Amino acid sequence: MPRYVIERTLPPGITPAEVEDAVRRAIAVNTTLPQIRWVHSNLAVDRSKFFCEYEAPNPDAVREAARLADIPCDRVTEVVEVCAATYALPS
């Protein structure tokens, strides 16, 4: 399944409670879309951006999930996982 990173610009002054509400909406929508799997997210310390990683059949599926959850979806980029362990130096 292709993997995508979604960049979401959050409104200035968004509160932790509003972030939690958005996350709960995303989880609720994702349970209705079996082709979508939320892998993990990173929230900027200043709460200006969310970077979310999803598995989905295509970028449009990710955008539709965001629309249904009423959360931003500014940029969708297909990615591949790169693990540090793969490049570990021999001991």
N, C-alpha and C. Protein backbone atom coordinates (compact mmCIF):
# COMPACT_ATOMS: atom_id res chain seq x y z
N MET A 1 0.86 -1.18 0.00
CA MET A 1 0.00 0.00 0.00
C MET A 1 0.90 1.24 0.00
N PRO A 2 0.64 2.20 -0.87
CA PRO A 2 1.42 3.43 -0.87
C PRO A 2 1.32 4.17 0.47
N ARG A 3 2.37 4.90 0.79
CA ARG A 3 2.43 5.66 2.04
C ARG A 3 2.57 7.15 1.70
N TYR A 4 1.88 8.00 2.47
CA TYR A 4 1.86 9.43 2.20
C TYR A 4 2.10 10.22 3.48
N VAL A 5 2.79 11.35 3.33
CA VAL A 5 2.90 12.33 4.42
C VAL A 5 2.00 13.50 4.03
N ILE A 6 1.14 13.88 4.96
CA ILE A 6 0.21 14.98 4.75
C ILE A 6 0.67 16.14 5.60
N GLU A 7 0.84 17.29 4.98
CA GLU A 7 1.17 18.52 5.71
C GLU A 7 -0.12 19.29 5.92
N ARG A 8 -0.37 19.62 7.17
CA ARG A 8 -1.59 20.35 7.53
C ARG A 8 -1.20 21.64 8.25
N THR A 9 -1.60 22.78 7.71
CA THR A 9 -1.38 24.05 8.37
C THR A 9 -2.55 24.30 9.30
N LEU A 10 -2.24 24.54 10.56
CA LEU A 10 -3.29 24.74 11.57
C LEU A 10 -3.51 26.23 11.79
N PRO A 11 -4.72 26.60 12.20
CA PRO A 11 -5.00 28.02 12.41
C PRO A 11 -4.19 28.59 13.57
N PRO A 12 -3.75 29.83 13.44
CA PRO A 12 -3.01 30.46 14.55
C PRO A 12 -3.83 30.43 15.84
N GLY A 13 -3.16 30.13 16.93
CA GLY A 13 -3.83 30.13 18.22
C GLY A 13 -4.64 28.88 18.52
N ILE A 14 -4.52 27.86 17.71
CA ILE A 14 -5.28 26.62 17.96
C ILE A 14 -4.90 26.08 19.35
N THR A 15 -5.88 25.65 20.07
CA THR A 15 -5.65 25.16 21.44
C THR A 15 -5.39 23.66 21.44
N PRO A 16 -4.78 23.15 22.49
CA PRO A 16 -4.62 21.70 22.60
C PRO A 16 -5.96 20.96 22.50
N ALA A 17 -7.02 21.52 23.07
CA ALA A 17 -8.33 20.88 23.01
C ALA A 17 -8.84 20.82 21.56
N GLU A 18 -8.59 21.86 20.78
CA GLU A 18 -9.01 21.87 19.38
C GLU A 18 -8.20 20.85 18.56
N VAL A 19 -6.93 20.70 18.89
CA VAL A 19 -6.10 19.68 18.23
C VAL A 19 -6.67 18.29 18.55
N GLU A 20 -6.98 18.06 19.82
CA GLU A 20 -7.56 16.77 20.22
C GLU A 20 -8.87 16.50 19.49
N ASP A 21 -9.71 17.52 19.36
CA ASP A 21 -10.99 17.36 18.64
C ASP A 21 -10.74 16.95 17.19
N ALA A 22 -9.77 17.59 16.55
CA ALA A 22 -9.45 17.26 15.15
C ALA A 22 -8.95 15.82 15.04
N VAL A 23 -8.11 15.42 15.97
CA VAL A 23 -7.59 14.04 15.96
C VAL A 23 -8.74 13.05 16.13
N ARG A 24 -9.65 13.34 17.03
CA ARG A 24 -10.80 12.44 17.24
C ARG A 24 -11.68 12.36 15.99
N ARG A 25 -11.86 13.49 15.31
CA ARG A 25 -12.64 13.47 14.06
C ARG A 25 -11.93 12.61 13.01
N ALA A 26 -10.61 12.75 12.91
CA ALA A 26 -9.86 11.95 11.94
C ALA A 26 -9.99 10.47 12.24
N ILE A 27 -9.88 10.11 13.50
CA ILE A 27 -10.00 8.70 13.89
C ILE A 27 -11.40 8.17 13.54
N ALA A 28 -12.42 8.97 13.83
CA ALA A 28 -13.80 8.55 13.54
C ALA A 28 -14.00 8.34 12.04
N VAL A 29 -13.49 9.25 11.22
CA VAL A 29 -13.62 9.10 9.77
C VAL A 29 -12.83 7.91 9.28
N ASN A 30 -11.62 7.75 9.78
CA ASN A 30 -10.77 6.65 9.31
C ASN A 30 -11.37 5.28 9.59
N THR A 31 -12.17 5.17 10.65
CA THR A 31 -12.81 3.88 10.94
C THR A 31 -13.86 3.53 9.88
N THR A 32 -14.34 4.53 9.14
CA THR A 32 -15.34 4.27 8.10
C THR A 32 -14.70 4.05 6.73
N LEU A 33 -13.38 4.22 6.65
CA LEU A 33 -12.66 4.08 5.38
C LEU A 33 -11.60 2.99 5.53
N PRO A 34 -11.95 1.75 5.27
CA PRO A 34 -11.01 0.65 5.52
C PRO A 34 -9.74 0.72 4.66
N GLN A 35 -9.77 1.48 3.56
CA GLN A 35 -8.59 1.57 2.71
C GLN A 35 -7.56 2.57 3.24
N ILE A 36 -7.89 3.28 4.31
CA ILE A 36 -7.02 4.30 4.89
C ILE A 36 -6.47 3.79 6.22
N ARG A 37 -5.16 3.98 6.45
CA ARG A 37 -4.59 3.64 7.76
C ARG A 37 -3.67 4.76 8.20
N TRP A 38 -4.00 5.34 9.34
CA TRP A 38 -3.18 6.39 9.93
C TRP A 38 -2.01 5.71 10.62
N VAL A 39 -0.79 6.03 10.21
CA VAL A 39 0.41 5.41 10.77
C VAL A 39 0.86 6.17 12.00
N HIS A 40 1.10 7.46 11.87
CA HIS A 40 1.44 8.31 13.01
C HIS A 40 1.48 9.76 12.55
N SER A 41 1.59 10.68 13.51
CA SER A 41 1.68 12.11 13.20
C SER A 41 2.69 12.78 14.10
N ASN A 42 3.17 13.92 13.61
CA ASN A 42 4.03 14.80 14.39
C ASN A 42 3.41 16.19 14.36
N LEU A 43 3.30 16.79 15.53
CA LEU A 43 2.74 18.13 15.68
C LEU A 43 3.88 19.08 15.98
N ALA A 44 3.97 20.18 15.22
CA ALA A 44 5.00 21.19 15.49
C ALA A 44 4.80 21.72 16.91
N VAL A 45 5.89 22.01 17.58
CA VAL A 45 5.83 22.48 18.97
C VAL A 45 4.95 23.73 19.09
N ASP A 46 4.98 24.60 18.09
CA ASP A 46 4.16 25.82 18.13
C ASP A 46 2.74 25.59 17.65
N ARG A 47 2.38 24.33 17.37
CA ARG A 47 1.05 23.92 16.90
C ARG A 47 0.64 24.62 15.60
N SER A 48 1.62 24.95 14.76
CA SER A 48 1.31 25.59 13.48
C SER A 48 1.11 24.57 12.35
N LYS A 49 1.70 23.39 12.51
CA LYS A 49 1.64 22.36 11.47
C LYS A 49 1.50 20.98 12.08
N PHE A 50 0.81 20.13 11.34
CA PHE A 50 0.72 18.71 11.64
C PHE A 50 1.32 17.99 10.44
N PHE A 51 2.14 16.99 10.66
CA PHE A 51 2.69 16.15 9.61
C PHE A 51 2.21 14.73 9.91
N CYS A 52 1.32 14.22 9.06
CA CYS A 52 0.66 12.95 9.33
C CYS A 52 1.05 11.93 8.27
N GLU A 53 1.34 10.72 8.71
CA GLU A 53 1.70 9.66 7.79
C GLU A 53 0.54 8.67 7.69
N TYR A 54 0.16 8.38 6.46
CA TYR A 54 -0.97 7.48 6.18
C TYR A 54 -0.58 6.45 5.14
N GLU A 55 -1.21 5.30 5.21
CA GLU A 55 -1.22 4.36 4.11
C GLU A 55 -2.58 4.48 3.45
N ALA A 56 -2.58 4.57 2.12
CA ALA A 56 -3.83 4.76 1.38
C ALA A 56 -3.59 4.35 -0.07
N PRO A 57 -4.66 4.04 -0.78
CA PRO A 57 -4.48 3.61 -2.17
C PRO A 57 -3.99 4.73 -3.09
N ASN A 58 -4.31 6.00 -2.74
CA ASN A 58 -3.91 7.12 -3.59
C ASN A 58 -4.07 8.43 -2.81
N PRO A 59 -3.51 9.52 -3.31
CA PRO A 59 -3.62 10.81 -2.61
C PRO A 59 -5.06 11.29 -2.45
N ASP A 60 -5.90 11.00 -3.43
CA ASP A 60 -7.29 11.46 -3.34
C ASP A 60 -8.02 10.83 -2.15
N ALA A 61 -7.69 9.60 -1.81
CA ALA A 61 -8.32 8.95 -0.66
C ALA A 61 -7.94 9.68 0.63
N VAL A 62 -6.69 10.12 0.72
CA VAL A 62 -6.24 10.87 1.89
C VAL A 62 -6.95 12.22 1.95
N ARG A 63 -7.04 12.88 0.81
CA ARG A 63 -7.72 14.19 0.78
C ARG A 63 -9.19 14.06 1.16
N GLU A 64 -9.84 12.99 0.70
CA GLU A 64 -11.25 12.78 1.03
C GLU A 64 -11.43 12.53 2.52
N ALA A 65 -10.53 11.77 3.12
CA ALA A 65 -10.61 11.54 4.57
C ALA A 65 -10.48 12.86 5.32
N ALA A 66 -9.57 13.71 4.89
CA ALA A 66 -9.40 15.02 5.54
C ALA A 66 -10.66 15.86 5.38
N ARG A 67 -11.23 15.85 4.19
CA ARG A 67 -12.46 16.63 3.95
C ARG A 67 -13.58 16.16 4.86
N LEU A 68 -13.75 14.85 4.95
CA LEU A 68 -14.81 14.30 5.80
C LEU A 68 -14.60 14.61 7.28
N ALA A 69 -13.33 14.69 7.69
CA ALA A 69 -13.02 15.00 9.09
C ALA A 69 -12.97 16.50 9.35
N ASP A 70 -13.11 17.28 8.30
CA ASP A 70 -13.05 18.75 8.39
C ASP A 70 -11.72 19.21 9.00
N ILE A 71 -10.63 18.66 8.44
CA ILE A 71 -9.29 19.05 8.86
C ILE A 71 -8.48 19.44 7.63
N PRO A 72 -7.49 20.31 7.79
CA PRO A 72 -6.71 20.76 6.63
C PRO A 72 -5.92 19.63 5.99
N CYS A 73 -5.68 19.80 4.70
CA CYS A 73 -4.83 18.86 3.94
C CYS A 73 -4.15 19.70 2.87
N ASP A 74 -3.04 20.35 3.24
CA ASP A 74 -2.39 21.30 2.34
C ASP A 74 -1.53 20.64 1.28
N ARG A 75 -0.82 19.59 1.67
CA ARG A 75 0.10 18.93 0.75
C ARG A 75 0.12 17.44 1.05
N VAL A 76 0.07 16.63 0.00
CA VAL A 76 0.16 15.18 0.13
C VAL A 76 1.36 14.73 -0.70
N THR A 77 2.31 14.05 -0.04
CA THR A 77 3.53 13.60 -0.70
C THR A 77 3.69 12.10 -0.49
N GLU A 78 3.85 11.37 -1.59
CA GLU A 78 4.11 9.94 -1.46
C GLU A 78 5.54 9.75 -0.96
N VAL A 79 5.71 8.85 0.02
CA VAL A 79 7.01 8.62 0.64
C VAL A 79 7.31 7.12 0.73
N VAL A 80 8.56 6.82 1.00
CA VAL A 80 8.97 5.46 1.35
C VAL A 80 9.65 5.55 2.71
N GLU A 81 9.52 4.49 3.48
CA GLU A 81 10.11 4.47 4.81
C GLU A 81 11.61 4.22 4.71
N VAL A 82 12.37 4.98 5.48
CA VAL A 82 13.81 4.81 5.59
C VAL A 82 14.11 4.64 7.08
N CYS A 83 14.65 3.49 7.45
CA CYS A 83 14.92 3.17 8.85
C CYS A 83 16.41 3.24 9.13
N ALA A 84 16.77 3.87 10.23
CA ALA A 84 18.18 3.98 10.61
C ALA A 84 18.81 2.60 10.79
N ALA A 85 18.04 1.63 11.29
CA ALA A 85 18.57 0.29 11.52
C ALA A 85 19.10 -0.36 10.24
N THR A 86 18.49 0.00 9.12
CA THR A 86 18.93 -0.53 7.83
C THR A 86 20.36 -0.11 7.52
N TYR A 87 20.75 1.04 8.03
CA TYR A 87 22.06 1.61 7.72
C TYR A 87 23.01 1.56 8.90
N ALA A 88 22.69 0.76 9.88
CA ALA A 88 23.53 0.67 11.09
C ALA A 88 24.95 0.25 10.70
N LEU A 89 25.89 0.87 11.38
CA LEU A 89 27.30 0.52 11.15
C LEU A 89 27.61 -0.81 11.82
N PRO A 90 28.45 -1.62 11.19
CA PRO A 90 28.81 -2.90 11.83
C PRO A 90 29.56 -2.63 13.13
N SER A 91 29.36 -3.51 14.10
CA SER A 91 30.05 -3.30 15.39
C SER A 91 31.42 -3.88 15.41
